[in-house]
Amino acid sequence: MTRFCRFSTLSIALLAAGGCATTQEQDCARHEQEVRETKPATIYRIVEPKPNQPAWRTLPSGSTAQVSTYKLSFRPPYTTTCHTIALHKDVVIQRSSDADVILTEIREFYADDGSLITTSSEDITDQVKRSGNYVATTPLPIPKAAPPGKYRIVNKLVFDRRGKGRAPVPIARGEGYFYIVPRE
């Protein structure tokens, strides 16, 4: 009887492990489908100043936009494939009320060896309409094919004027690292 019980316990464990693997594969397939159907969108929200906080300085004459703080962090800093991590940003920006100004966020995604994997850009003008302290979050889906390792994100903020035909002006740059760990 002891022999049968061991075999049954082992069989049950193997079946359960196989079921978990199937569930993981289904979850991964669902994640990949969602990634193909939607583009990650950054959500900026202004943080209202505290009562004792000093008033915003005015922009220097002739300035369009300036960033005094631009910090990036990842939540969580470690992940596996088929999951999404959040790129969190703390930004203090001063900007003019000029309606012709376009604010763009550019994201560059690099492998540990320094090779560029992908670049994306997003117009954030409608979300950052006035000077202030902002927090922002961008979901970063990790594809099934991504190898384990260290990755670097370089984020840039630039401004441009509609219809002027000039090169965008960089106003902030930040970078951060996250890690993809092997799936179990």
Protein backbone atom coordinates (compact mmCIF):
# COMPACT_ATOMS: atom_id res chain seq x y z
CA MET A 1 0.00 0.00 0.00
CA THR A 2 2.86 2.39 0.77
CA ARG A 3 4.22 1.91 -2.74
CA PHE A 4 0.86 2.78 -4.30
CA CYS A 5 0.50 5.90 -2.19
CA ARG A 6 3.93 7.15 -3.21
CA PHE A 7 3.17 6.54 -6.84
CA SER A 8 -0.18 8.29 -6.51
CA THR A 9 1.39 11.25 -4.76
CA LEU A 10 4.09 11.47 -7.44
CA SER A 11 1.49 11.15 -10.21
CA ILE A 12 -0.64 13.86 -8.68
CA ALA A 13 2.39 16.17 -8.35
CA LEU A 14 3.37 15.59 -12.00
CA LEU A 15 -0.18 16.20 -13.18
CA ALA A 16 -0.39 19.37 -11.12
CA ALA A 17 2.96 20.60 -12.48
CA GLY A 18 1.80 19.85 -16.03
CA GLY A 19 -1.42 21.73 -15.35
CA CYS A 20 0.54 24.73 -14.05
CA ALA A 21 2.74 24.73 -17.14
CA THR A 22 -0.35 24.66 -19.35
CA THR A 23 -1.87 27.53 -17.38
CA GLN A 24 1.38 29.53 -17.67
CA GLU A 25 1.43 28.97 -21.43
CA GLN A 26 -2.19 30.08 -21.71
CA ASP A 27 -1.46 33.17 -19.60
CA CYS A 28 1.59 33.92 -21.76
CA ALA A 29 -0.44 33.52 -24.98
CA ARG A 30 -3.11 35.86 -23.57
CA HIS A 31 -0.41 38.40 -22.58
CA GLU A 32 1.15 38.27 -26.07
CA GLN A 33 -2.28 38.82 -27.67
CA GLU A 34 -3.00 41.84 -25.45
CA VAL A 35 0.43 43.30 -26.29
CA ARG A 36 -0.29 43.01 -30.03
CA GLU A 37 -3.70 44.65 -29.66
CA THR A 38 -2.76 47.66 -27.50
CA LYS A 39 0.06 50.18 -27.43
CA PRO A 40 1.30 51.06 -23.93
CA ALA A 41 0.09 54.54 -23.02
CA THR A 42 1.73 56.82 -20.50
CA ILE A 43 -0.61 58.40 -17.98
CA TYR A 44 0.55 61.71 -16.49
CA ARG A 45 -1.19 63.22 -13.50
CA ILE A 46 -0.35 66.43 -11.71
CA VAL A 47 0.44 66.34 -8.01
CA GLU A 48 -1.02 69.36 -6.27
CA PRO A 49 1.52 71.36 -4.23
CA LYS A 50 1.58 71.04 -0.47
CA PRO A 51 0.45 74.11 1.54
CA ASN A 52 4.02 75.02 2.62
CA GLN A 53 5.60 74.44 -0.79
CA PRO A 54 7.05 77.56 -2.48
CA ALA A 55 5.30 78.94 -5.57
CA TRP A 56 6.57 78.02 -9.02
CA ARG A 57 9.24 80.26 -10.42
CA THR A 58 8.36 81.88 -13.70
CA LEU A 59 10.11 80.70 -16.83
CA PRO A 60 13.04 82.81 -17.95
CA SER A 61 12.20 85.18 -20.79
CA GLY A 62 12.16 83.39 -24.13
CA SER A 63 11.93 79.89 -22.57
CA THR A 64 9.27 77.43 -23.64
CA ALA A 65 9.78 74.49 -21.28
CA GLN A 66 12.24 73.38 -18.61
CA VAL A 67 12.46 70.27 -16.46
CA SER A 68 14.19 70.48 -13.09
CA THR A 69 13.44 66.91 -11.93
CA TYR A 70 13.16 63.78 -14.05
CA LYS A 71 13.45 60.51 -12.10
CA LEU A 72 12.71 57.01 -13.39
CA SER A 73 12.05 53.82 -11.44
CA PHE A 74 10.64 50.39 -12.23
CA ARG A 75 7.96 48.57 -10.30
CA PRO A 76 8.96 45.81 -9.80
CA PRO A 77 12.64 46.07 -10.83
CA TYR A 78 12.73 42.30 -11.61
CA THR A 79 10.24 40.41 -13.75
CA THR A 80 9.81 37.40 -16.01
CA THR A 81 8.62 37.20 -19.58
CA CYS A 82 4.88 37.42 -20.23
CA HIS A 83 4.43 40.05 -17.52
CA THR A 84 4.20 43.82 -17.51
CA ILE A 85 6.34 46.11 -15.40
CA ALA A 86 5.58 49.76 -14.73
CA LEU A 87 7.99 52.53 -15.65
CA HIS A 88 7.30 55.21 -13.02
CA LYS A 89 8.36 58.83 -13.56
CA ASP A 90 8.55 61.83 -11.25
CA VAL A 91 8.73 65.04 -13.28
CA VAL A 92 8.86 68.71 -12.33
CA ILE A 93 8.22 70.78 -15.43
CA GLN A 94 7.80 74.45 -16.15
CA ARG A 95 6.15 75.25 -19.44
CA SER A 96 4.66 78.17 -21.25
CA SER A 97 0.96 78.27 -22.06
CA ASP A 98 1.79 78.56 -25.78
CA ALA A 99 -0.71 76.36 -27.65
CA ASP A 100 1.80 75.71 -30.47
CA VAL A 101 4.15 73.76 -28.17
CA ILE A 102 4.18 69.98 -28.52
CA LEU A 103 5.69 67.91 -25.70
CA THR A 104 6.88 64.44 -26.67
CA GLU A 105 8.24 61.59 -24.60
CA ILE A 106 10.72 59.31 -26.38
CA ARG A 107 11.55 55.88 -24.95
CA GLU A 108 14.58 53.85 -26.06
CA PHE A 109 14.85 50.23 -24.93
CA TYR A 110 18.38 48.70 -24.83
CA ALA A 111 19.76 45.20 -24.16
CA ASP A 112 22.62 44.72 -21.70
CA ASP A 113 25.14 44.67 -24.56
CA GLY A 114 24.06 48.20 -25.55
CA SER A 115 22.10 47.23 -28.66
CA LEU A 116 18.92 49.21 -29.29
CA ILE A 117 15.87 46.95 -29.19
CA THR A 118 13.10 49.44 -29.92
CA THR A 119 12.14 53.10 -29.77
CA SER A 120 8.72 54.62 -29.22
CA SER A 121 7.41 58.15 -28.87
CA GLU A 122 4.27 59.58 -27.38
CA ASP A 123 2.72 63.04 -27.52
CA ILE A 124 2.03 64.11 -23.91
CA THR A 125 0.98 67.70 -24.66
CA ASP A 126 -2.65 67.22 -23.62
CA GLN A 127 -1.61 65.63 -20.31
CA VAL A 128 0.99 68.25 -19.32
CA LYS A 129 -0.86 71.52 -19.96
CA ARG A 130 0.68 73.60 -17.18
CA SER A 131 3.73 73.88 -14.98
CA GLY A 132 3.80 71.49 -12.05
CA ASN A 133 4.96 68.33 -10.39
CA TYR A 134 3.76 65.27 -12.30
CA VAL A 135 3.86 61.55 -11.75
CA ALA A 136 3.53 59.26 -14.72
CA THR A 137 3.33 55.55 -15.35
CA THR A 138 4.00 53.63 -18.54
CA PRO A 139 3.24 49.90 -18.68
CA LEU A 140 6.06 47.94 -20.34
CA PRO A 141 4.95 44.47 -21.47
CA ILE A 142 7.75 41.90 -21.52
CA PRO A 143 7.40 39.54 -24.50
CA LYS A 144 7.81 35.78 -24.27
CA ALA A 145 10.89 35.88 -26.53
CA ALA A 146 12.85 38.33 -24.32
CA PRO A 147 15.97 36.63 -22.96
CA PRO A 148 16.85 36.92 -19.27
CA GLY A 149 19.26 39.74 -18.46
CA LYS A 150 19.70 43.40 -17.61
CA TYR A 151 17.85 46.00 -19.70
CA ARG A 152 18.13 49.77 -19.88
CA ILE A 153 15.43 52.32 -20.68
CA VAL A 154 16.40 55.83 -21.77
CA ASN A 155 13.53 58.30 -21.58
CA LYS A 156 13.70 61.76 -23.12
CA LEU A 157 11.35 64.74 -23.08
CA VAL A 158 11.49 67.12 -26.01
CA PHE A 159 9.41 70.04 -27.21
CA ASP A 160 8.66 71.27 -30.67
CA ARG A 161 6.52 74.01 -32.18
CA ARG A 162 3.76 73.11 -34.62
CA GLY A 163 4.56 73.97 -38.19
CA LYS A 164 8.02 75.48 -37.56
CA GLY A 165 10.02 72.67 -39.19
CA ARG A 166 12.79 72.84 -36.60
CA ALA A 167 14.38 69.93 -34.79
CA PRO A 168 12.80 69.06 -31.41
CA VAL A 169 14.54 70.62 -28.39
CA PRO A 170 15.55 68.18 -25.64
CA ILE A 171 14.57 69.30 -22.13
CA ALA A 172 15.07 66.18 -19.99
CA ARG A 173 16.71 62.78 -20.07
CA GLY A 174 16.59 59.92 -17.59
CA GLU A 175 17.57 56.28 -17.60
CA GLY A 176 16.99 53.25 -15.50
CA TYR A 177 17.58 49.51 -15.41
CA PHE A 178 15.40 46.49 -14.83
CA TYR A 179 16.03 42.77 -15.01
CA ILE A 180 14.27 39.87 -16.69
CA VAL A 181 14.80 36.70 -14.70
CA PRO A 182 14.27 33.15 -16.03
CA ARG A 183 10.81 31.66 -15.67
CA GLU A 184 10.54 28.70 -13.34
